[in-house]
Amino acid sequence: MSDAAHAAVSVHWKWYAVLIGLGVLAVLGAIAAIPTRGKLWQLADGADGRASTSKFQWLLWLVVILFAYSVLWVLRARQGDYAASSQVPVNLLTVLGFSTGTAAAAKGITAGYIQSDRLAKPVAVKGAKGGLIQDDSGVPDLAKLQMVGFTLIAVGIFLWTLGHQIASNPVDTNLPNIDSSLLVLMGISQGGYLGKKLVTFSSPILYPPDQAEAAVGTDVTVTGANLGAPPSGTLPPVGAQLTLDGQPVPNPQWSETSITFTVPGQPPATVKKVSLAAIVMGQKSNNVTLTITPAPAQPGN
């Protein structure tokens, strides 16, 4: 066989190895699709149905490393070495340990808060806020953004290095390593994410009122989460407020999951939209909209 023919076969086998690596991921995806009913993105969701930042970076590294290991093993087997790789870089083991440990620790912190009634994590409903780089109230979270950013950079460099190894001749069939400085940056970002999660309670969350429109003097109830436990009866927790267009609403009836209040003020001349928000322990919730209707016309007017 000529050198050109040998090179062509080698290139073909490189593509075969990549396809086999993708096939391994496809098989695992098919297995995971059974409990998730085909919604594989749910693998990165938390128990409340929202995207979990720690589970996302754990899943991403797991997929990338499984793909790299499968591709390089096929190329090693093509060269006659069928043994498992015995040279896994320390930094690669560390980053997989980081991602696994961060996901487990984040789960433990949240579970501990819920069990001690310091935090409520309601199941996400359609249109609920929160995500990979946002907290549950929809506000961008710097700790999440930092962790996702460094994770994507590290994964991109890892895949670029893998591609360079596959394209080289002869092929280096050892798993690519991760630069130590980048590993430190990822470790700092994951430590910052867990530290913020450990010392910060989730912001209060409000859901749309039970009625979209109400007149002045009528009672309205808004449900929510992380509203704080009333000290007794239906009084608001110390320092807690419900605001309407930034002004405190007098005498709201408060519970951990709902607030009932009487629409204050004078009836508007026309339909008026106002903004409701809750402030608990110095943290402001998202805004929800209530439409205040004008007073009904009096007979004979």
C-alpha atoms as a PDB file:
ATOM      1  CA  MET A   1       0.000   0.000   0.000  1.00  0.00           C
ATOM      2  CA  SER A   2       1.404   3.400  -0.997  1.00  0.00           C
ATOM      3  CA  ASP A   3       2.001   6.176   1.517  1.00  0.00           C
ATOM      4  CA  ALA A   4      -0.833   8.188  -0.078  1.00  0.00           C
ATOM      5  CA  ALA A   5      -3.254   5.293   0.270  1.00  0.00           C
ATOM      6  CA  HIS A   6      -2.153   4.737   3.865  1.00  0.00           C
ATOM      7  CA  ALA A   7      -2.714   8.429   4.629  1.00  0.00           C
ATOM      8  CA  ALA A   8      -6.187   8.275   3.069  1.00  0.00           C
ATOM      9  CA  VAL A   9      -7.125   5.282   5.209  1.00  0.00           C
ATOM     10  CA  SER A  10      -5.780   7.077   8.272  1.00  0.00           C
ATOM     11  CA  VAL A  11      -7.947  10.109   7.530  1.00  0.00           C
ATOM     12  CA  HIS A  12     -10.959   7.851   7.030  1.00  0.00           C
ATOM     13  CA  TRP A  13     -10.352   6.185  10.375  1.00  0.00           C
ATOM     14  CA  LYS A  14     -10.128   9.550  12.063  1.00  0.00           C
ATOM     15  CA  TRP A  15     -13.607  10.350  10.777  1.00  0.00           C
ATOM     16  CA  TYR A  16     -14.788   6.878  11.780  1.00  0.00           C
ATOM     17  CA  ALA A  17     -13.462   7.499  15.301  1.00  0.00           C
ATOM     18  CA  VAL A  18     -15.325  10.808  15.546  1.00  0.00           C
ATOM     19  CA  LEU A  19     -18.537   9.164  14.328  1.00  0.00           C
ATOM     20  CA  ILE A  20     -18.128   6.342  16.825  1.00  0.00           C
ATOM     21  CA  GLY A  21     -17.617   8.900  19.594  1.00  0.00           C
ATOM     22  CA  LEU A  22     -20.815  10.655  18.550  1.00  0.00           C
ATOM     23  CA  GLY A  23     -22.513   7.249  18.419  1.00  0.00           C
ATOM     24  CA  VAL A  24     -21.544   6.561  22.029  1.00  0.00           C
ATOM     25  CA  LEU A  25     -23.123   9.869  23.048  1.00  0.00           C
ATOM     26  CA  ALA A  26     -26.203   9.037  20.967  1.00  0.00           C
ATOM     27  CA  VAL A  27     -26.633   5.698  22.739  1.00  0.00           C
ATOM     28  CA  LEU A  28     -26.322   7.329  26.147  1.00  0.00           C
ATOM     29  CA  GLY A  29     -28.730  10.036  25.010  1.00  0.00           C
ATOM     30  CA  ALA A  30     -31.252   7.409  23.940  1.00  0.00           C
ATOM     31  CA  ILE A  31     -30.994   5.756  27.358  1.00  0.00           C
ATOM     32  CA  ALA A  32     -31.422   9.097  29.110  1.00  0.00           C
ATOM     33  CA  ALA A  33     -34.348   9.973  26.842  1.00  0.00           C
ATOM     34  CA  ILE A  34     -36.499   7.241  28.398  1.00  0.00           C
ATOM     35  CA  PRO A  35     -36.952   8.813  31.872  1.00  0.00           C
ATOM     36  CA  THR A  36     -36.950  12.363  30.461  1.00  0.00           C
ATOM     37  CA  ARG A  37     -39.418  11.495  27.668  1.00  0.00           C
ATOM     38  CA  GLY A  38     -37.025  12.798  25.050  1.00  0.00           C
ATOM     39  CA  LYS A  39     -36.371  16.125  26.813  1.00  0.00           C
ATOM     40  CA  LEU A  40     -32.642  15.651  27.332  1.00  0.00           C
ATOM     41  CA  TRP A  41     -32.159  19.242  28.490  1.00  0.00           C
ATOM     42  CA  GLN A  42     -33.964  18.218  31.673  1.00  0.00           C
ATOM     43  CA  LEU A  43     -30.763  16.432  32.709  1.00  0.00           C
ATOM     44  CA  ALA A  44     -29.435  19.893  33.621  1.00  0.00           C
ATOM     45  CA  ASP A  45     -32.621  20.961  35.445  1.00  0.00           C
ATOM     46  CA  GLY A  46     -32.870  21.224  39.193  1.00  0.00           C
ATOM     47  CA  ALA A  47     -35.618  19.688  41.312  1.00  0.00           C
ATOM     48  CA  ASP A  48     -37.707  22.841  40.840  1.00  0.00           C
ATOM     49  CA  GLY A  49     -37.690  22.482  37.044  1.00  0.00           C
ATOM     50  CA  ARG A  50     -35.354  25.432  36.423  1.00  0.00           C
ATOM     51  CA  ALA A  51     -31.988  25.128  34.686  1.00  0.00           C
ATOM     52  CA  SER A  52     -29.284  24.340  37.249  1.00  0.00           C
ATOM     53  CA  THR A  53     -25.927  26.027  36.645  1.00  0.00           C
ATOM     54  CA  SER A  54     -23.967  23.437  38.638  1.00  0.00           C
ATOM     55  CA  LYS A  55     -25.649  20.480  36.892  1.00  0.00           C
ATOM     56  CA  PHE A  56     -25.140  22.117  33.495  1.00  0.00           C
ATOM     57  CA  GLN A  57     -21.363  22.409  33.885  1.00  0.00           C
ATOM     58  CA  TRP A  58     -21.228  18.869  35.324  1.00  0.00           C
ATOM     59  CA  LEU A  59     -23.174  17.476  32.372  1.00  0.00           C
ATOM     60  CA  LEU A  60     -21.113  19.454  29.852  1.00  0.00           C
ATOM     61  CA  TRP A  61     -17.796  18.132  31.139  1.00  0.00           C
ATOM     62  CA  LEU A  62     -19.154  14.592  31.336  1.00  0.00           C
ATOM     63  CA  VAL A  63     -20.289  14.677  27.683  1.00  0.00           C
ATOM     64  CA  VAL A  64     -17.044  16.233  26.437  1.00  0.00           C
ATOM     65  CA  ILE A  65     -14.755  13.823  28.296  1.00  0.00           C
ATOM     66  CA  LEU A  66     -16.800  10.749  27.261  1.00  0.00           C
ATOM     67  CA  PHE A  67     -16.605  11.870  23.632  1.00  0.00           C
ATOM     68  CA  ALA A  68     -12.849  12.489  23.790  1.00  0.00           C
ATOM     69  CA  TYR A  69     -12.154   9.154  25.502  1.00  0.00           C
ATOM     70  CA  SER A  70     -14.227   7.200  22.951  1.00  0.00           C
ATOM     71  CA  VAL A  71     -12.608   8.860  19.917  1.00  0.00           C
ATOM     72  CA  LEU A  72      -9.047   8.425  21.175  1.00  0.00           C
ATOM     73  CA  TRP A  73      -9.614   4.803  22.219  1.00  0.00           C
ATOM     74  CA  VAL A  74     -10.839   3.939  18.712  1.00  0.00           C
ATOM     75  CA  LEU A  75      -7.708   5.508  17.206  1.00  0.00           C
ATOM     76  CA  ARG A  76      -5.545   3.659  19.724  1.00  0.00           C
ATOM     77  CA  ALA A  77      -7.281   0.378  18.878  1.00  0.00           C
ATOM     78  CA  ARG A  78      -6.670   1.045  15.172  1.00  0.00           C
ATOM     79  CA  GLN A  79      -2.966   1.085  16.013  1.00  0.00           C
ATOM     80  CA  GLY A  80      -3.291  -2.305  17.731  1.00  0.00           C
ATOM     81  CA  ASP A  81      -3.508  -1.122  21.376  1.00  0.00           C
ATOM     82  CA  TYR A  82      -6.866  -2.241  22.813  1.00  0.00           C
ATOM     83  CA  ALA A  83      -6.103  -1.411  26.452  1.00  0.00           C
ATOM     84  CA  ALA A  84      -7.887   1.353  28.352  1.00  0.00           C
ATOM     85  CA  SER A  85      -5.985   4.601  28.665  1.00  0.00           C
ATOM     86  CA  SER A  86      -3.772   4.557  31.748  1.00  0.00           C
ATOM     87  CA  GLN A  87      -2.554   8.145  31.346  1.00  0.00           C
ATOM     88  CA  VAL A  88      -5.403  10.439  32.311  1.00  0.00           C
ATOM     89  CA  PRO A  89      -4.057  13.944  33.016  1.00  0.00           C
ATOM     90  CA  VAL A  90      -4.324  15.052  36.627  1.00  0.00           C
ATOM     91  CA  ASN A  91      -5.902  18.377  35.682  1.00  0.00           C
ATOM     92  CA  LEU A  92      -8.606  16.587  33.706  1.00  0.00           C
ATOM     93  CA  LEU A  93      -9.413  14.382  36.703  1.00  0.00           C
ATOM     94  CA  THR A  94      -9.445  17.508  38.861  1.00  0.00           C
ATOM     95  CA  VAL A  95     -11.893  19.402  36.645  1.00  0.00           C
ATOM     96  CA  LEU A  96     -14.265  16.428  36.569  1.00  0.00           C
ATOM     97  CA  GLY A  97     -13.974  16.226  40.360  1.00  0.00           C
ATOM     98  CA  PHE A  98     -14.609  19.979  40.608  1.00  0.00           C
ATOM     99  CA  SER A  99     -17.739  19.807  38.474  1.00  0.00           C
ATOM    100  CA  THR A 100     -19.092  16.754  40.323  1.00  0.00           C
ATOM    101  CA  GLY A 101     -18.317  18.197  43.743  1.00  0.00           C
ATOM    102  CA  THR A 102     -19.836  21.593  42.909  1.00  0.00           C
ATOM    103  CA  ALA A 103     -23.098  20.004  41.742  1.00  0.00           C
ATOM    104  CA  ALA A 104     -23.280  17.804  44.859  1.00  0.00           C
ATOM    105  CA  ALA A 105     -22.451  20.675  47.218  1.00  0.00           C
ATOM    106  CA  ALA A 106     -24.983  23.010  45.576  1.00  0.00           C
ATOM    107  CA  LYS A 107     -27.657  20.334  45.959  1.00  0.00           C
ATOM    108  CA  GLY A 108     -26.739  19.822  49.614  1.00  0.00           C
ATOM    109  CA  ILE A 109     -26.854  23.561  50.413  1.00  0.00           C
ATOM    110  CA  THR A 110     -30.270  23.985  48.809  1.00  0.00           C
ATOM    111  CA  ALA A 111     -31.668  20.851  50.467  1.00  0.00           C
ATOM    112  CA  GLY A 112     -30.423  22.053  53.858  1.00  0.00           C
ATOM    113  CA  TYR A 113     -32.086  25.449  53.432  1.00  0.00           C
ATOM    114  CA  ILE A 114     -35.377  23.866  52.388  1.00  0.00           C
ATOM    115  CA  GLN A 115     -35.399  21.420  55.309  1.00  0.00           C
ATOM    116  CA  SER A 116     -34.754  24.253  57.762  1.00  0.00           C
ATOM    117  CA  ASP A 117     -37.558  26.365  56.209  1.00  0.00           C
ATOM    118  CA  ARG A 118     -35.071  29.080  55.301  1.00  0.00           C
ATOM    119  CA  LEU A 119     -35.777  28.736  51.596  1.00  0.00           C
ATOM    120  CA  ALA A 120     -38.690  27.753  49.353  1.00  0.00           C
ATOM    121  CA  LYS A 121     -38.076  26.369  45.860  1.00  0.00           C
ATOM    122  CA  PRO A 122     -41.461  26.054  44.169  1.00  0.00           C
ATOM    123  CA  VAL A 123     -41.761  24.006  41.013  1.00  0.00           C
ATOM    124  CA  ALA A 124     -41.256  26.215  37.984  1.00  0.00           C
ATOM    125  CA  VAL A 125     -44.360  27.063  36.039  1.00  0.00           C
ATOM    126  CA  LYS A 126     -44.582  28.177  32.425  1.00  0.00           C
ATOM    127  CA  GLY A 127     -42.914  31.548  32.093  1.00  0.00           C
ATOM    128  CA  ALA A 128     -41.098  31.230  35.432  1.00  0.00           C
ATOM    129  CA  LYS A 129     -37.814  33.087  35.658  1.00  0.00           C
ATOM    130  CA  GLY A 130     -34.395  31.814  36.601  1.00  0.00           C
ATOM    131  CA  GLY A 131     -31.800  29.999  34.551  1.00  0.00           C
ATOM    132  CA  LEU A 132     -28.132  29.303  33.920  1.00  0.00           C
ATOM    133  CA  ILE A 133     -27.008  32.889  34.553  1.00  0.00           C
ATOM    134  CA  GLN A 134     -30.049  34.240  36.433  1.00  0.00           C
ATOM    135  CA  ASP A 135     -31.403  33.817  39.930  1.00  0.00           C
ATOM    136  CA  ASP A 136     -34.981  32.695  40.578  1.00  0.00           C
ATOM    137  CA  SER A 137     -36.288  36.241  40.207  1.00  0.00           C
ATOM    138  CA  GLY A 138     -34.755  36.634  36.747  1.00  0.00           C
ATOM    139  CA  VAL A 139     -31.898  38.946  37.777  1.00  0.00           C
ATOM    140  CA  PRO A 140     -28.476  38.186  36.204  1.00  0.00           C
ATOM    141  CA  ASP A 141     -26.229  36.460  38.746  1.00  0.00           C
ATOM    142  CA  LEU A 142     -22.527  37.379  38.539  1.00  0.00           C
ATOM    143  CA  ALA A 143     -21.365  34.172  40.264  1.00  0.00           C
ATOM    144  CA  LYS A 144     -23.294  32.011  37.770  1.00  0.00           C
ATOM    145  CA  LEU A 145     -22.090  34.077  34.820  1.00  0.00           C
ATOM    146  CA  GLN A 146     -18.467  33.713  35.947  1.00  0.00           C
ATOM    147  CA  MET A 147     -18.708  29.939  36.363  1.00  0.00           C
ATOM    148  CA  VAL A 148     -20.484  29.368  33.035  1.00  0.00           C
ATOM    149  CA  GLY A 149     -18.036  31.683  31.247  1.00  0.00           C
ATOM    150  CA  PHE A 150     -14.878  29.925  32.433  1.00  0.00           C
ATOM    151  CA  THR A 151     -16.489  26.511  31.855  1.00  0.00           C
ATOM    152  CA  LEU A 152     -17.293  27.345  28.220  1.00  0.00           C
ATOM    153  CA  ILE A 153     -13.782  28.720  27.634  1.00  0.00           C
ATOM    154  CA  ALA A 154     -12.151  25.604  29.122  1.00  0.00           C
ATOM    155  CA  VAL A 155     -14.417  23.237  27.167  1.00  0.00           C
ATOM    156  CA  GLY A 156     -13.722  25.136  23.937  1.00  0.00           C
ATOM    157  CA  ILE A 157      -9.944  24.945  24.419  1.00  0.00           C
ATOM    158  CA  PHE A 158     -10.181  21.243  25.357  1.00  0.00           C
ATOM    159  CA  LEU A 159     -12.144  20.420  22.185  1.00  0.00           C
ATOM    160  CA  TRP A 160      -9.760  22.502  20.034  1.00  0.00           C
ATOM    161  CA  THR A 161      -6.805  20.589  21.487  1.00  0.00           C
ATOM    162  CA  LEU A 162      -8.595  17.299  20.875  1.00  0.00           C
ATOM    163  CA  GLY A 163      -9.226  18.248  17.248  1.00  0.00           C
ATOM    164  CA  HIS A 164      -5.558  19.182  16.788  1.00  0.00           C
ATOM    165  CA  GLN A 165      -4.478  15.801  18.186  1.00  0.00           C
ATOM    166  CA  ILE A 166      -6.830  13.910  15.887  1.00  0.00           C
ATOM    167  CA  ALA A 167      -5.659  15.888  12.842  1.00  0.00           C
ATOM    168  CA  SER A 168      -1.961  15.369  13.624  1.00  0.00           C
ATOM    169  CA  ASN A 169       0.080  12.510  12.214  1.00  0.00           C
ATOM    170  CA  PRO A 170       0.934  10.380  14.077  1.00  0.00           C
ATOM    171  CA  VAL A 171      -2.111  10.797  16.333  1.00  0.00           C
ATOM    172  CA  ASP A 172      -1.518  11.452  20.028  1.00  0.00           C
ATOM    173  CA  THR A 173      -4.072   9.113  21.640  1.00  0.00           C
ATOM    174  CA  ASN A 174      -3.644  10.422  25.199  1.00  0.00           C
ATOM    175  CA  LEU A 175      -6.434  12.567  26.596  1.00  0.00           C
ATOM    176  CA  PRO A 176      -5.717  16.310  26.312  1.00  0.00           C
ATOM    177  CA  ASN A 177      -4.739  18.143  29.458  1.00  0.00           C
ATOM    178  CA  ILE A 178      -6.161  21.410  30.795  1.00  0.00           C
ATOM    179  CA  ASP A 179      -3.861  24.326  31.518  1.00  0.00           C
ATOM    180  CA  SER A 180      -3.199  24.754  35.248  1.00  0.00           C
ATOM    181  CA  SER A 181      -3.942  28.493  35.222  1.00  0.00           C
ATOM    182  CA  LEU A 182      -7.321  27.867  33.590  1.00  0.00           C
ATOM    183  CA  LEU A 183      -7.990  25.136  36.140  1.00  0.00           C
ATOM    184  CA  VAL A 184      -7.330  27.639  38.942  1.00  0.00           C
ATOM    185  CA  LEU A 185      -9.725  30.149  37.358  1.00  0.00           C
ATOM    186  CA  MET A 186     -12.445  27.493  37.131  1.00  0.00           C
ATOM    187  CA  GLY A 187     -11.819  26.482  40.730  1.00  0.00           C
ATOM    188  CA  ILE A 188     -12.124  30.088  41.913  1.00  0.00           C
ATOM    189  CA  SER A 189     -15.344  30.600  39.946  1.00  0.00           C
ATOM    190  CA  GLN A 190     -16.895  27.428  41.343  1.00  0.00           C
ATOM    191  CA  GLY A 191     -15.813  28.374  44.854  1.00  0.00           C
ATOM    192  CA  GLY A 192     -17.393  31.811  44.392  1.00  0.00           C
ATOM    193  CA  TYR A 193     -20.616  30.208  43.143  1.00  0.00           C
ATOM    194  CA  LEU A 194     -20.844  27.904  46.169  1.00  0.00           C
ATOM    195  CA  GLY A 195     -19.833  30.663  48.581  1.00  0.00           C
ATOM    196  CA  LYS A 196     -22.562  32.983  47.329  1.00  0.00           C
ATOM    197  CA  LYS A 197     -25.075  30.149  47.466  1.00  0.00           C
ATOM    198  CA  LEU A 198     -24.042  29.367  51.031  1.00  0.00           C
ATOM    199  CA  VAL A 199     -24.473  32.881  52.434  1.00  0.00           C
ATOM    200  CA  THR A 200     -27.299  34.251  50.292  1.00  0.00           C
ATOM    201  CA  PHE A 201     -30.953  33.426  50.563  1.00  0.00           C
ATOM    202  CA  SER A 202     -32.960  33.393  47.372  1.00  0.00           C
ATOM    203  CA  SER A 203     -34.702  36.641  46.539  1.00  0.00           C
ATOM    204  CA  PRO A 204     -38.458  36.828  47.144  1.00  0.00           C
ATOM    205  CA  ILE A 205     -40.531  35.884  44.117  1.00  0.00           C
ATOM    206  CA  LEU A 206     -44.012  37.090  43.194  1.00  0.00           C
ATOM    207  CA  TYR A 207     -46.384  35.475  40.717  1.00  0.00           C
ATOM    208  CA  PRO A 208     -49.183  37.355  38.889  1.00  0.00           C
ATOM    209  CA  PRO A 209     -52.157  38.345  41.102  1.00  0.00           C
ATOM    210  CA  ASP A 210     -55.157  36.064  41.399  1.00  0.00           C
ATOM    211  CA  GLN A 211     -57.098  38.657  39.405  1.00  0.00           C
ATOM    212  CA  ALA A 212     -55.569  40.761  36.649  1.00  0.00           C
ATOM    213  CA  GLU A 213     -57.922  43.700  37.292  1.00  0.00           C
ATOM    214  CA  ALA A 214     -59.254  45.154  40.522  1.00  0.00           C
ATOM    215  CA  ALA A 215     -60.937  48.313  41.746  1.00  0.00           C
ATOM    216  CA  VAL A 216     -59.734  50.494  44.615  1.00  0.00           C
ATOM    217  CA  GLY A 217     -60.929  49.063  47.925  1.00  0.00           C
ATOM    218  CA  THR A 218     -61.099  45.430  46.770  1.00  0.00           C
ATOM    219  CA  ASP A 219     -58.894  42.627  48.103  1.00  0.00           C
ATOM    220  CA  VAL A 220     -56.208  41.107  45.890  1.00  0.00           C
ATOM    221  CA  THR A 221     -53.939  38.115  46.583  1.00  0.00           C
ATOM    222  CA  VAL A 222     -50.514  37.567  45.068  1.00  0.00           C
ATOM    223  CA  THR A 223     -48.752  34.250  45.588  1.00  0.00           C
ATOM    224  CA  GLY A 224     -45.012  33.790  45.675  1.00  0.00           C
ATOM    225  CA  ALA A 225     -42.019  32.140  47.314  1.00  0.00           C
ATOM    226  CA  ASN A 226     -39.283  33.125  49.788  1.00  0.00           C
ATOM    227  CA  LEU A 227     -41.606  35.726  51.322  1.00  0.00           C
ATOM    228  CA  GLY A 228     -40.461  35.068  54.870  1.00  0.00           C
ATOM    229  CA  ALA A 229     -42.316  33.571  57.798  1.00  0.00           C
ATOM    230  CA  PRO A 230     -44.653  35.972  59.628  1.00  0.00           C
ATOM    231  CA  PRO A 231     -43.789  36.379  63.328  1.00  0.00           C
ATOM    232  CA  SER A 232     -47.408  35.734  64.303  1.00  0.00           C
ATOM    233  CA  GLY A 233     -50.809  35.803  62.697  1.00  0.00           C
ATOM    234  CA  THR A 234     -50.762  37.521  59.320  1.00  0.00           C
ATOM    235  CA  LEU A 235     -48.361  40.381  60.115  1.00  0.00           C
ATOM    236  CA  PRO A 236     -45.468  40.891  57.678  1.00  0.00           C
ATOM    237  CA  PRO A 237     -42.001  39.756  58.816  1.00  0.00           C
ATOM    238  CA  VAL A 238     -39.860  42.484  60.365  1.00  0.00           C
ATOM    239  CA  GLY A 239     -38.732  44.877  57.651  1.00  0.00           C
ATOM    240  CA  ALA A 240     -40.902  43.271  54.961  1.00  0.00           C
ATOM    241  CA  GLN A 241     -43.002  45.452  52.692  1.00  0.00           C
ATOM    242  CA  LEU A 242     -45.346  45.161  49.770  1.00  0.00           C
ATOM    243  CA  THR A 243     -45.025  48.146  47.443  1.00  0.00           C
ATOM    244  CA  LEU A 244     -47.349  49.504  44.767  1.00  0.00           C
ATOM    245  CA  ASP A 245     -45.485  51.691  42.278  1.00  0.00           C
ATOM    246  CA  GLY A 246     -42.752  52.007  44.901  1.00  0.00           C
ATOM    247  CA  GLN A 247     -45.057  53.103  47.738  1.00  0.00           C
ATOM    248  CA  PRO A 248     -45.699  50.826  50.757  1.00  0.00           C
ATOM    249  CA  VAL A 249     -49.119  49.142  50.817  1.00  0.00           C
ATOM    250  CA  PRO A 250     -50.725  49.494  54.286  1.00  0.00           C
ATOM    251  CA  ASN A 251     -51.712  46.465  56.368  1.00  0.00           C
ATOM    252  CA  PRO A 252     -51.047  43.536  54.035  1.00  0.00           C
ATOM    253  CA  GLN A 253     -51.948  40.066  55.289  1.00  0.00           C
ATOM    254  CA  TRP A 254     -48.755  38.035  54.977  1.00  0.00           C
ATOM    255  CA  SER A 255     -47.886  34.353  54.749  1.00  0.00           C
ATOM    256  CA  GLU A 256     -44.817  32.456  53.527  1.00  0.00           C
ATOM    257  CA  THR A 257     -46.389  31.887  50.103  1.00  0.00           C
ATOM    258  CA  SER A 258     -48.959  34.665  49.595  1.00  0.00           C
ATOM    259  CA  ILE A 259     -49.812  38.293  50.368  1.00  0.00           C
ATOM    260  CA  THR A 260     -53.363  39.674  50.488  1.00  0.00           C
ATOM    261  CA  PHE A 261     -53.973  43.420  50.462  1.00  0.00           C
ATOM    262  CA  THR A 262     -56.674  45.994  49.838  1.00  0.00           C
ATOM    263  CA  VAL A 263     -56.028  48.150  46.785  1.00  0.00           C
ATOM    264  CA  PRO A 264     -55.275  51.609  48.216  1.00  0.00           C
ATOM    265  CA  GLY A 265     -55.698  55.118  46.850  1.00  0.00           C
ATOM    266  CA  GLN A 266     -58.329  56.962  44.858  1.00  0.00           C
ATOM    267  CA  PRO A 267     -60.120  55.411  41.888  1.00  0.00           C
ATOM    268  CA  PRO A 268     -58.390  56.464  38.643  1.00  0.00           C
ATOM    269  CA  ALA A 269     -60.249  58.216  35.861  1.00  0.00           C
ATOM    270  CA  THR A 270     -59.144  55.556  33.380  1.00  0.00           C
ATOM    271  CA  VAL A 271     -57.667  52.069  33.537  1.00  0.00           C
ATOM    272  CA  LYS A 272     -54.284  52.243  35.249  1.00  0.00           C
ATOM    273  CA  LYS A 273     -51.522  49.635  35.368  1.00  0.00           C
ATOM    274  CA  VAL A 274     -49.422  49.531  38.528  1.00  0.00           C
ATOM    275  CA  SER A 275     -46.402  47.515  39.607  1.00  0.00           C
ATOM    276  CA  LEU A 276     -46.308  45.318  42.720  1.00  0.00           C
ATOM    277  CA  ALA A 277     -43.128  44.136  44.441  1.00  0.00           C
ATOM    278  CA  ALA A 278     -42.179  42.615  47.785  1.00  0.00           C
ATOM    279  CA  ILE A 279     -39.121  43.501  49.868  1.00  0.00           C
ATOM    280  CA  VAL A 280     -37.926  40.842  52.325  1.00  0.00           C
ATOM    281  CA  MET A 281     -34.685  41.033  54.339  1.00  0.00           C
ATOM    282  CA  GLY A 282     -33.498  43.872  52.122  1.00  0.00           C
ATOM    283  CA  GLN A 283     -33.999  41.892  48.898  1.00  0.00           C
ATOM    284  CA  LYS A 284     -36.500  43.103  46.325  1.00  0.00           C
ATOM    285  CA  SER A 285     -38.628  40.695  44.322  1.00  0.00           C
ATOM    286  CA  ASN A 286     -39.518  40.846  40.669  1.00  0.00           C
ATOM    287  CA  ASN A 287     -42.343  43.186  39.645  1.00  0.00           C
ATOM    288  CA  VAL A 288     -45.829  41.956  38.744  1.00  0.00           C
ATOM    289  CA  THR A 289     -48.530  44.033  37.117  1.00  0.00           C
ATOM    290  CA  LEU A 290     -51.998  44.793  38.444  1.00  0.00           C
ATOM    291  CA  THR A 291     -54.599  46.754  36.474  1.00  0.00           C
ATOM    292  CA  ILE A 292     -56.693  49.161  38.571  1.00  0.00           C
ATOM    293  CA  THR A 293     -60.078  49.891  37.073  1.00  0.00           C
ATOM    294  CA  PRO A 294     -61.935  53.236  37.440  1.00  0.00           C
ATOM    295  CA  ALA A 295     -64.932  53.573  39.726  1.00  0.00           C
ATOM    296  CA  PRO A 296     -68.215  52.426  38.153  1.00  0.00           C
ATOM    297  CA  ALA A 297     -70.370  55.189  36.772  1.00  0.00           C
ATOM    298  CA  GLN A 298     -73.103  56.365  39.138  1.00  0.00           C
ATOM    299  CA  PRO A 299     -76.731  56.035  37.969  1.00  0.00           C
ATOM    300  CA  GLY A 300     -77.989  59.231  36.375  1.00  0.00           C
ATOM    301  CA  ASN A 301     -74.483  60.538  35.577  1.00  0.00           C
END
